[in-house]
Protein backbone atom coordinates (compact mmCIF):
# COMPACT_ATOMS: atom_id res chain seq x y z
CA MET A 1 0.00 0.00 0.00
CA LEU A 2 1.60 3.22 -1.19
CA THR A 3 0.57 6.34 0.71
CA LEU A 4 1.41 9.95 0.00
CA ALA A 5 0.94 12.14 3.08
CA PHE A 6 1.44 15.85 3.56
CA ASP A 7 0.66 18.76 5.84
CA THR A 8 0.68 22.44 4.86
CA ALA A 9 -1.01 23.93 7.94
CA THR A 10 2.18 25.54 9.27
CA ASP A 11 5.35 27.10 7.91
CA ALA A 12 7.01 23.71 8.56
CA ALA A 13 5.07 21.93 5.79
CA THR A 14 6.04 18.29 5.24
CA VAL A 15 5.46 15.52 2.71
CA ALA A 16 6.16 11.80 2.99
CA LEU A 17 5.91 8.68 0.86
CA LEU A 18 5.26 5.39 2.64
CA ARG A 19 4.84 1.77 1.64
CA ASP A 20 2.90 -0.35 4.14
CA GLY A 21 3.86 2.05 6.92
CA ASP A 22 7.55 2.17 6.06
CA VAL A 23 8.88 5.60 5.12
CA LEU A 24 10.39 5.63 1.61
CA GLY A 25 11.14 9.34 1.76
CA GLU A 26 10.17 12.47 3.66
CA ARG A 27 11.10 16.13 3.56
CA ARG A 28 10.15 19.58 4.71
CA THR A 29 8.59 21.66 1.97
CA LYS A 30 6.50 24.73 1.22
CA ALA A 31 2.85 24.64 0.25
CA ALA A 32 3.74 26.08 -3.15
CA ARG A 33 6.28 23.28 -3.75
CA LEU A 34 4.15 20.41 -2.51
CA LEU A 35 3.48 18.79 -5.90
CA ALA A 36 7.10 19.16 -7.03
CA ASP A 37 8.45 17.63 -3.82
CA ALA A 38 5.92 14.80 -3.97
CA GLU A 39 7.01 14.00 -7.53
CA GLU A 40 10.67 14.06 -6.47
CA LEU A 41 9.98 11.67 -3.58
CA CYS A 42 8.22 9.29 -5.95
CA ALA A 43 11.08 9.48 -8.46
CA ALA A 44 13.69 8.86 -5.77
CA ALA A 45 11.78 5.78 -4.60
CA GLY A 46 11.29 4.50 -8.15
CA VAL A 47 7.53 4.92 -7.87
CA ALA A 48 5.24 6.42 -10.49
CA PRO A 49 2.46 8.68 -9.18
CA ALA A 50 -0.04 6.35 -10.86
CA GLU A 51 1.07 3.62 -8.43
CA LEU A 52 -0.12 5.54 -5.37
CA ASP A 53 -2.97 3.88 -3.46
CA ARG A 54 -4.16 6.66 -1.18
CA LEU A 55 -3.58 10.17 0.14
CA VAL A 56 -3.48 11.64 3.63
CA ALA A 57 -3.71 15.40 4.14
CA GLY A 58 -3.26 17.52 7.24
CA THR A 59 -6.45 19.41 8.07
CA GLY A 60 -5.01 21.92 10.52
CA PRO A 61 -5.81 23.97 12.40
CA GLY A 62 -3.53 26.43 10.69
CA GLY A 63 -3.22 29.32 8.28
CA TYR A 64 -5.97 29.77 5.70
CA THR A 65 -3.69 29.96 2.66
CA GLY A 66 -1.50 26.96 3.51
CA LEU A 67 -4.45 24.77 4.48
CA ARG A 68 -6.39 25.71 1.36
CA MET A 69 -3.44 24.92 -0.92
CA GLY A 70 -2.90 21.56 0.76
CA LEU A 71 -6.52 20.45 0.52
CA VAL A 72 -6.88 21.70 -3.05
CA THR A 73 -3.77 19.69 -3.93
CA ALA A 74 -5.28 16.62 -2.24
CA ARG A 75 -8.47 16.99 -4.25
CA VAL A 76 -6.65 17.48 -7.54
CA LEU A 77 -4.39 14.47 -6.98
CA ALA A 78 -7.23 12.28 -5.77
CA PHE A 79 -9.35 13.15 -8.80
CA SER A 80 -6.58 12.77 -11.37
CA LEU A 81 -5.20 9.52 -9.92
CA GLY A 82 -8.46 7.98 -8.69
CA LEU A 83 -7.40 7.87 -5.05
CA ASP A 84 -9.24 7.83 -1.75
CA ALA A 85 -8.09 10.30 0.87
CA ALA A 86 -8.25 10.89 4.61
CA GLY A 87 -7.65 13.94 6.76
CA VAL A 88 -5.68 14.12 10.01
CA SER A 89 -5.44 16.99 12.46
CA THR A 90 -2.04 18.66 12.56
CA LEU A 91 -2.34 18.79 16.36
CA ASP A 92 -2.96 15.04 16.54
CA ALA A 93 0.03 14.33 14.29
CA LEU A 94 2.30 16.46 16.50
CA ALA A 95 1.05 14.62 19.56
CA ALA A 96 1.67 11.23 17.92
CA ALA A 97 5.29 12.22 17.27
CA ALA A 98 5.84 13.15 20.91
CA PRO A 99 3.87 10.77 23.17
CA GLY A 100 2.81 12.49 26.37
CA ALA A 101 3.50 15.99 25.02
CA GLU A 102 0.95 18.73 24.40
CA PRO A 103 0.86 20.09 20.80
CA LEU A 104 0.75 23.86 20.46
CA LEU A 105 0.60 25.73 17.15
CA ASP A 106 1.17 29.42 16.51
CA ALA A 107 -2.15 30.84 15.30
CA ARG A 108 -0.67 34.33 14.79
CA ARG A 109 -2.45 37.47 16.05
CA GLY A 110 -1.36 36.65 19.59
CA GLN A 111 -3.25 33.35 19.68
CA VAL A 112 -2.45 29.63 19.69
CA PHE A 113 -4.10 26.42 18.58
CA ALA A 114 -4.18 23.80 21.31
CA ARG A 115 -6.13 20.68 22.27
CA GLY A 116 -8.76 20.58 24.98
CA LYS A 117 -8.91 17.85 27.61
CA SER A 118 -11.03 15.69 25.32
CA GLY A 119 -8.69 16.29 22.38
CA GLU A 120 -10.79 18.84 20.50
CA PRO A 121 -8.91 21.67 18.76
CA ARG A 122 -9.14 25.08 20.40
CA LEU A 123 -8.17 28.66 19.60
CA LEU A 124 -7.11 30.70 22.60
CA ALA A 125 -4.82 33.38 23.93
CA PRO A 126 -1.50 32.01 25.25
CA GLU A 127 -2.35 33.47 28.65
CA ASP A 128 -5.39 31.16 28.83
CA LEU A 129 -3.32 28.03 28.23
CA GLU A 130 -3.46 25.48 31.03
CA VAL A 131 0.06 24.31 31.89
CA GLU A 132 0.63 21.43 34.28
CA PRO A 133 4.05 21.55 35.99
CA GLY A 134 6.48 19.38 34.04
CA ALA A 135 4.21 19.07 31.00
CA VAL A 136 6.07 19.06 27.68
CA PHE A 137 4.81 21.29 24.85
CA VAL A 138 5.79 20.87 21.18
CA GLY A 139 5.09 22.77 17.98
CA ASP A 140 5.83 26.24 16.67
CA GLY A 141 3.42 27.72 19.21
CA ALA A 142 5.46 26.22 22.02
CA VAL A 143 8.62 27.71 20.55
CA ARG A 144 7.08 31.17 20.13
CA TYR A 145 5.60 31.24 23.62
CA ARG A 146 8.41 29.37 25.35
CA GLU A 147 8.86 32.04 28.01
CA LEU A 148 5.22 31.90 29.07
CA VAL A 149 5.05 28.09 29.09
CA GLU A 150 8.27 27.69 31.04
CA ALA A 151 7.30 30.42 33.52
CA ARG A 152 4.27 28.28 34.39
CA GLY A 153 6.34 25.15 34.91
CA GLY A 154 6.04 23.63 31.47
CA VAL A 155 8.88 22.25 29.36
CA VAL A 156 9.66 23.19 25.76
CA PRO A 157 12.35 21.24 23.84
CA ALA A 158 15.10 23.16 22.02
CA ASP A 159 13.94 25.22 19.05
CA ASP A 160 15.54 22.82 16.56
CA ASP A 161 14.03 19.69 18.14
CA GLU A 162 12.36 17.49 15.51
CA ARG A 163 9.27 17.14 17.73
CA HIS A 164 8.25 20.69 16.80
CA VAL A 165 7.73 19.64 13.15
CA PRO A 166 4.42 18.01 12.05
CA TRP A 167 6.10 15.22 10.08
CA ALA A 168 3.75 13.72 7.52
CA ARG A 169 4.69 10.14 8.39
CA HIS A 170 2.61 10.51 11.56
CA HIS A 171 -0.41 11.68 9.59
CA ALA A 172 -0.23 8.46 7.58
CA GLY A 173 -0.11 6.39 10.76
CA LEU A 174 -3.21 8.09 12.20
CA ALA A 175 -5.33 8.12 9.03
CA ARG A 176 -8.69 6.35 9.15
CA ASP A 177 -11.94 6.43 7.18
CA PHE A 178 -10.62 6.93 3.67
CA GLY A 179 -13.07 8.26 1.13
CA SER A 180 -13.57 11.05 -1.37
CA ALA A 181 -11.11 13.93 -1.03
CA GLU A 182 -14.07 16.27 -1.58
CA LEU A 183 -15.16 15.39 1.96
CA LEU A 184 -11.97 16.69 3.57
CA GLU A 185 -12.74 19.69 5.77
CA PRO A 186 -10.15 22.17 7.05
CA LEU A 187 -10.00 23.13 10.73
CA TYR A 188 -9.74 26.90 10.45
CA LEU A 189 -11.17 27.71 13.92
CA ARG A 190 -11.07 31.35 12.89
CA GLU A 191 -12.88 33.22 10.14
CA PRO A 192 -10.53 34.12 7.24
CA ASP A 193 -9.64 37.83 7.04
CA ALA A 194 -11.29 38.29 3.63
CA GLU A 195 -14.59 36.75 4.79
CA ARG A 196 -14.64 38.87 7.94
CA SER A 197 -13.91 42.04 5.96
CA LEU A 198 -16.68 41.18 3.50
CA ARG A 199 -19.16 40.51 6.29
CA GLU A 200 -18.26 43.76 8.03
CA GLY A 201 -18.56 45.74 4.80
CA ARG A 202 -14.88 46.64 4.62
CA LEU A 203 -14.37 44.65 1.41
CA ARG A 204 -16.50 44.87 -1.70
CA ILE A 205 -16.50 42.49 -4.66
């Protein structure tokens, strides 16, 4: 079973190619280079894109532009290659890479994406983050708000620690319920700027 997995929810976008759970290749990328890097991974592994069996895409939460590009790419690939797809939360993938750690993503505008006690994604101010003494936090949100987390007794690995990167191999391992890529839904958790401006009458089309 050949799986192409990727996540474009954060600046640390990743893409991976796996066969039956074994990683054939993986790299950090940019949302704009996702297709090119996927093709290069396939070429390096001696695999034609037509041989892919399924896709896994990160669904965020994350930035509007990156998420949109990733899910559009998933839909285009799934349609052109006749593949089923599944979505995986970027927060869940980070947590899978660092068992016992709390994933924390930088949501910009002085906010973070975190997981609630039942695992649901949340958008909140860093000051509202619950930090248990000794708890480990990973992700670009943990790096950005290191001072706050550590002041409350939390632990943040070094900035260059691999656990801060949402590696796509973990998305592939968590993927369930494959189906049409058209059913993939992004976790924005916040209204895009353009939609808010349009609703408030500050943008006219």
